[in-house]
Amino acid sequence: MIGGPHPMTPAPYRVRSRRPDRADTVTLTLEPVRGDCPPFRPGQFTMLYAPGVGEIAVSISGRARSGGYTQTIRAVGAVSAALCGKRPGDVVGVRGPYGRGWDVPAAAGLDVVVVAGGLGLAPLRPLVRALLRERPRHGRISVIAGSRAPGLLLYPQDLARWARQGADVRVTVDHPGHTWRGPVGLVTRLLDRIVFEPRRTCAFVCGPEPMMRAAAAELVRRGVAPGRVELSLERNMKCAVTRCGHCQLGPLFVCEDGPVLRYDRAAGLLEVREL
């Protein structure tokens, strides 16, 4: 069932457009069948339901011009594969948005460093857009994006646009191939190539947990306050409203207390592996 009044019942959304990003990844634009999309904060997520298959948590990667959500999904299981297979006109279920987003106001007047690995660029995309819309309120804005290979890089057109809008955009890959002429290796190596004043810097980091641990630790080592480094955690969220306990991480429920957490709160919790 889709569209009932219960908070655990998803609302019907229609797929307006589908854009393949990589061989296993698509971006869907979703619009509500009835009413308007609820507002969201950069870094929040929704629960997406593929009828007859199941439901998963997916970060909101932007607001479409039509007013709907854009959500980037990688096919790694039955539900995500079913969602990736949806076409314009198909109906899916949406609950949310949920969770704690990026603290955009905290970046006012500061240099900003954004570090993304792989699909971690998706929840950071609305953050970068928000920062660039208010460009005069911030110091330097730097975006570091890492990918396994050049062909797997998300949002290359956005990265080029952000550079034109004044951000210092750097990209690195693990496996360069024959035509790649850019940096190769870990995203942390690119911290040497950007300019920021550590004691006046906010950092936002999202990607695989080993990459987030390394990037956050290096930023703190360089003098960025742990309370000004934010990470987005990914856990197995089932209900998104703190009832099921699947996403409990120490004293926190990632669906409500996160997914975005400050590094001074998340550092120890990052050592707890998801089962």
Protein backbone atom coordinates (compact mmCIF):
# COMPACT_ATOMS: atom_id res chain seq x y z
CA MET A 1 0.00 0.00 0.00
CA ILE A 2 1.19 3.53 -0.81
CA GLY A 3 -0.35 6.76 0.35
CA GLY A 4 -2.00 6.03 3.71
CA PRO A 5 -1.94 8.43 6.69
CA HIS A 6 0.34 6.34 8.93
CA PRO A 7 3.90 7.75 9.28
CA MET A 8 5.32 4.38 8.24
CA THR A 9 3.28 4.42 5.02
CA PRO A 10 5.13 5.97 2.06
CA ALA A 11 3.53 8.67 -0.05
CA PRO A 12 3.28 8.03 -3.82
CA TYR A 13 5.85 9.86 -5.95
CA ARG A 14 6.11 9.67 -9.72
CA VAL A 15 9.43 9.38 -11.53
CA ARG A 16 9.69 12.50 -13.66
CA SER A 17 13.12 11.77 -15.14
CA ARG A 18 15.89 9.20 -14.98
CA ARG A 19 19.56 9.97 -15.69
CA PRO A 20 22.17 7.21 -15.84
CA ASP A 21 25.30 8.42 -14.01
CA ARG A 22 27.42 5.26 -14.14
CA ALA A 23 26.89 1.65 -15.18
CA ASP A 24 25.34 0.85 -11.79
CA THR A 25 24.09 4.30 -10.71
CA VAL A 26 21.16 6.50 -11.72
CA THR A 27 19.68 9.80 -10.56
CA LEU A 28 15.89 9.90 -10.34
CA THR A 29 13.80 13.06 -10.16
CA LEU A 30 10.74 12.30 -8.02
CA GLU A 31 7.59 14.39 -7.74
CA PRO A 32 4.67 13.78 -5.36
CA VAL A 33 1.49 12.50 -6.95
CA ARG A 34 -0.44 14.71 -4.53
CA GLY A 35 0.67 17.96 -2.93
CA ASP A 36 4.21 19.33 -2.64
CA CYS A 37 7.55 17.90 -1.60
CA PRO A 38 8.32 18.68 2.04
CA PRO A 39 11.35 20.97 2.45
CA PHE A 40 14.66 19.29 3.21
CA ARG A 41 18.03 20.29 4.63
CA PRO A 42 21.24 19.34 2.81
CA GLY A 43 22.42 16.01 4.20
CA GLN A 44 18.98 14.57 4.97
CA PHE A 45 17.63 11.34 3.47
CA THR A 46 14.35 9.71 2.53
CA MET A 47 13.13 6.14 2.71
CA LEU A 48 12.44 5.03 -0.87
CA TYR A 49 10.03 2.15 -1.46
CA ALA A 50 10.04 -0.03 -4.58
CA PRO A 51 6.54 -1.55 -4.62
CA GLY A 52 6.61 -5.28 -4.05
CA VAL A 53 10.34 -5.31 -3.30
CA GLY A 54 11.20 -3.22 -0.24
CA GLU A 55 12.45 0.06 1.18
CA ILE A 56 15.90 1.63 1.65
CA ALA A 57 17.39 4.89 2.89
CA VAL A 58 18.72 7.18 0.14
CA SER A 59 20.29 10.63 0.54
CA ILE A 60 18.63 13.58 -1.17
CA SER A 61 21.04 14.85 -3.81
CA GLY A 62 19.13 18.00 -4.71
CA ARG A 63 15.92 19.85 -5.41
CA ALA A 64 14.83 19.76 -9.04
CA ARG A 65 13.65 22.89 -10.85
CA SER A 66 10.19 21.34 -10.94
CA GLY A 67 10.20 21.21 -7.12
CA GLY A 68 10.78 17.49 -6.72
CA TYR A 69 13.66 15.64 -5.11
CA THR A 70 16.63 14.28 -7.00
CA GLN A 71 18.06 11.09 -5.52
CA THR A 72 21.13 9.21 -6.73
CA ILE A 73 20.94 5.44 -6.27
CA ARG A 74 23.54 2.72 -6.83
CA ALA A 75 22.31 -0.80 -7.57
CA VAL A 76 23.84 -2.97 -4.85
CA GLY A 77 20.86 -5.08 -3.78
CA ALA A 78 17.33 -6.07 -4.72
CA VAL A 79 15.65 -2.83 -3.63
CA SER A 80 18.25 -0.44 -5.05
CA ALA A 81 18.32 -2.42 -8.32
CA ALA A 82 14.53 -2.19 -8.57
CA LEU A 83 14.65 1.57 -7.95
CA CYS A 84 17.42 2.02 -10.51
CA GLY A 85 15.20 0.25 -13.03
CA LYS A 86 12.33 2.69 -12.64
CA ARG A 87 11.38 4.77 -15.68
CA PRO A 88 9.58 8.10 -16.11
CA GLY A 89 5.95 7.64 -15.19
CA ASP A 90 6.57 4.82 -12.70
CA VAL A 91 5.43 5.32 -9.11
CA VAL A 92 7.56 4.71 -6.01
CA GLY A 93 6.98 5.37 -2.33
CA VAL A 94 8.72 8.10 -0.34
CA ARG A 95 8.88 8.75 3.40
CA GLY A 96 10.71 11.68 4.90
CA PRO A 97 12.91 13.62 4.76
CA TYR A 98 14.64 12.39 7.90
CA GLY A 99 17.75 12.98 9.96
CA ARG A 100 20.15 15.72 10.87
CA GLY A 101 21.69 17.54 7.92
CA TRP A 102 24.87 19.53 7.39
CA ASP A 103 25.25 22.61 9.60
CA VAL A 104 25.41 25.14 6.77
CA PRO A 105 25.00 28.22 9.04
CA ALA A 106 28.11 27.17 11.00
CA ALA A 107 30.21 27.80 7.89
CA ALA A 108 29.38 31.51 7.74
CA GLY A 109 32.55 33.60 7.59
CA LEU A 110 34.83 30.56 7.47
CA ASP A 111 36.86 28.72 4.87
CA VAL A 112 35.04 25.55 3.81
CA VAL A 113 36.59 22.22 2.82
CA VAL A 114 34.28 19.59 1.28
CA VAL A 115 35.72 16.07 0.90
CA ALA A 116 33.77 13.40 -0.99
CA GLY A 117 34.55 9.81 -1.87
CA GLY A 118 32.53 7.95 -4.51
CA LEU A 119 28.79 8.13 -3.92
CA GLY A 120 29.48 10.36 -0.90
CA LEU A 121 29.29 13.30 -3.28
CA ALA A 122 25.49 12.82 -3.50
CA PRO A 123 24.57 14.09 0.01
CA LEU A 124 27.24 16.80 -0.29
CA ARG A 125 25.86 18.13 -3.59
CA PRO A 126 23.01 20.22 -2.06
CA LEU A 127 25.47 21.50 0.55
CA VAL A 128 27.88 22.82 -2.10
CA ARG A 129 24.99 24.37 -3.99
CA ALA A 130 23.82 26.13 -0.82
CA LEU A 131 27.33 27.41 -0.06
CA LEU A 132 27.80 28.79 -3.58
CA ARG A 133 24.39 30.49 -3.53
CA GLU A 134 25.67 32.43 -0.53
CA ARG A 135 29.23 32.78 -1.79
CA PRO A 136 29.95 36.21 -0.19
CA ARG A 137 29.13 34.85 3.28
CA HIS A 138 32.02 32.38 3.21
CA GLY A 139 35.76 32.38 2.83
CA ARG A 140 37.47 30.02 0.41
CA ILE A 141 35.36 27.05 -0.72
CA SER A 142 37.30 23.93 -1.71
CA VAL A 143 35.80 20.69 -3.02
CA ILE A 144 37.86 17.49 -3.14
CA ALA A 145 36.26 14.52 -4.90
CA GLY A 146 37.70 11.03 -5.11
CA SER A 147 36.66 8.16 -7.36
CA ARG A 148 37.89 4.67 -8.14
CA ALA A 149 38.27 5.56 -11.84
CA PRO A 150 37.58 8.59 -14.07
CA GLY A 151 34.51 6.94 -15.60
CA LEU A 152 32.99 6.41 -12.14
CA LEU A 153 33.15 10.07 -11.09
CA LEU A 154 29.74 11.47 -10.11
CA TYR A 155 28.39 14.79 -11.37
CA PRO A 156 31.31 15.90 -13.59
CA GLN A 157 29.21 18.74 -15.00
CA ASP A 158 28.42 19.97 -11.48
CA LEU A 159 32.09 19.87 -10.53
CA ALA A 160 32.96 21.98 -13.59
CA ARG A 161 30.13 24.41 -12.79
CA TRP A 162 31.23 24.79 -9.17
CA ALA A 163 34.75 25.64 -10.37
CA ARG A 164 33.33 28.35 -12.64
CA GLN A 165 31.36 29.70 -9.67
CA GLY A 166 34.52 30.18 -7.64
CA ALA A 167 35.12 26.92 -5.77
CA ASP A 168 38.57 25.32 -5.84
CA VAL A 169 37.63 21.88 -7.21
CA ARG A 170 40.13 19.01 -7.12
CA VAL A 171 39.57 15.44 -8.32
CA THR A 172 41.66 12.34 -7.69
CA VAL A 173 41.20 8.71 -8.80
CA ASP A 174 42.56 5.35 -7.68
CA HIS A 175 42.90 3.75 -11.12
CA PRO A 176 43.68 6.41 -13.74
CA GLY A 177 43.70 4.51 -17.03
CA HIS A 178 45.61 5.72 -20.10
CA THR A 179 43.94 9.11 -20.65
CA TRP A 180 43.78 10.49 -17.09
CA ARG A 181 46.15 13.39 -16.46
CA GLY A 182 45.00 14.44 -12.99
CA PRO A 183 46.01 13.42 -9.47
CA VAL A 184 46.07 9.76 -8.46
CA GLY A 185 45.66 8.45 -4.92
CA LEU A 186 43.89 9.25 -1.67
CA VAL A 187 41.77 12.37 -1.21
CA THR A 188 43.89 13.30 1.82
CA ARG A 189 46.83 14.01 -0.49
CA LEU A 190 44.89 16.85 -2.11
CA LEU A 191 44.67 18.70 1.21
CA ASP A 192 48.24 19.85 0.42
CA ARG A 193 47.00 21.53 -2.77
CA ILE A 194 44.17 23.66 -1.42
CA VAL A 195 44.39 26.85 0.62
CA PHE A 196 42.53 27.15 3.92
CA GLU A 197 43.15 28.65 7.34
CA PRO A 198 42.74 25.65 9.69
CA ARG A 199 41.62 27.63 12.72
CA ARG A 200 38.95 29.34 10.61
CA THR A 201 37.71 26.32 8.66
CA CYS A 202 34.61 24.13 8.55
CA ALA A 203 34.90 20.75 6.85
CA PHE A 204 32.21 18.41 5.53
CA VAL A 205 33.19 14.82 4.71
CA CYS A 206 31.23 11.92 3.20
CA GLY A 207 32.27 8.63 1.62
CA PRO A 208 33.49 5.17 2.66
CA GLU A 209 34.19 5.09 6.39
CA PRO A 210 37.95 4.40 6.08
CA MET A 211 38.23 7.47 3.85
CA MET A 212 36.18 9.58 6.29
CA ARG A 213 38.31 8.49 9.25
CA ALA A 214 41.51 9.33 7.38
CA ALA A 215 40.27 12.68 6.04
CA ALA A 216 38.84 13.83 9.37
CA ALA A 217 41.97 12.82 11.28
CA GLU A 218 44.18 14.65 8.78
CA LEU A 219 42.06 17.81 8.94
CA VAL A 220 42.25 17.77 12.74
CA ARG A 221 46.00 17.11 12.58
CA ARG A 222 46.32 20.24 10.46
CA GLY A 223 44.53 22.32 13.06
CA VAL A 224 40.83 22.20 12.16
CA ALA A 225 38.75 21.94 15.33
CA PRO A 226 37.07 18.50 15.67
CA GLY A 227 33.78 20.25 16.32
CA ARG A 228 34.02 21.91 12.92
CA VAL A 229 34.49 18.66 11.00
CA GLU A 230 31.20 16.95 10.08
CA LEU A 231 30.77 13.42 8.74
CA SER A 232 27.76 11.60 7.30
CA LEU A 233 27.40 8.05 8.63
CA GLU A 234 25.65 5.25 6.77
CA ARG A 235 23.92 2.57 8.81
CA ASN A 236 21.19 0.02 8.12
CA MET A 237 18.14 2.24 8.60
CA LYS A 238 14.81 0.40 8.48
CA CYS A 239 12.17 2.56 10.15
CA ALA A 240 13.94 5.99 10.14
CA VAL A 241 11.98 7.01 13.25
CA THR A 242 14.06 5.37 16.07
CA ARG A 243 11.64 2.46 16.59
CA CYS A 244 13.45 -0.56 15.11
CA GLY A 245 16.96 -0.11 16.55
CA HIS A 246 18.73 -1.30 13.38
CA CYS A 247 20.77 1.90 13.10
CA GLN A 248 21.71 2.23 16.79
CA LEU A 249 25.35 3.16 17.15
CA GLY A 250 26.42 3.34 20.79
CA PRO A 251 24.06 5.84 22.44
CA LEU A 252 22.86 7.24 19.11
CA PHE A 253 20.25 6.40 16.52
CA VAL A 254 21.80 7.35 13.18
CA CYS A 255 18.38 7.94 11.59
CA GLU A 256 17.59 10.74 14.05
CA ASP A 257 20.85 11.85 15.73
CA GLY A 258 22.61 11.59 12.35
CA PRO A 259 23.36 10.81 9.65
CA VAL A 260 25.49 13.95 9.99
CA LEU A 261 27.61 14.04 13.15
CA ARG A 262 30.49 16.22 14.29
CA TYR A 263 33.83 14.44 14.40
CA ASP A 264 34.27 15.13 18.11
CA ARG A 265 31.13 13.06 18.64
CA ALA A 266 31.66 10.46 15.92
CA ALA A 267 35.37 9.61 16.17
CA GLY A 268 35.00 6.76 18.65
CA LEU A 269 31.78 5.50 17.08
CA LEU A 270 33.46 5.12 13.70
CA GLU A 271 35.44 2.24 15.14
CA VAL A 272 32.19 0.26 15.54
CA ARG A 273 31.66 -1.75 12.37
CA GLU A 274 28.19 -2.23 10.96
CA LEU A 275 27.01 -5.86 11.17
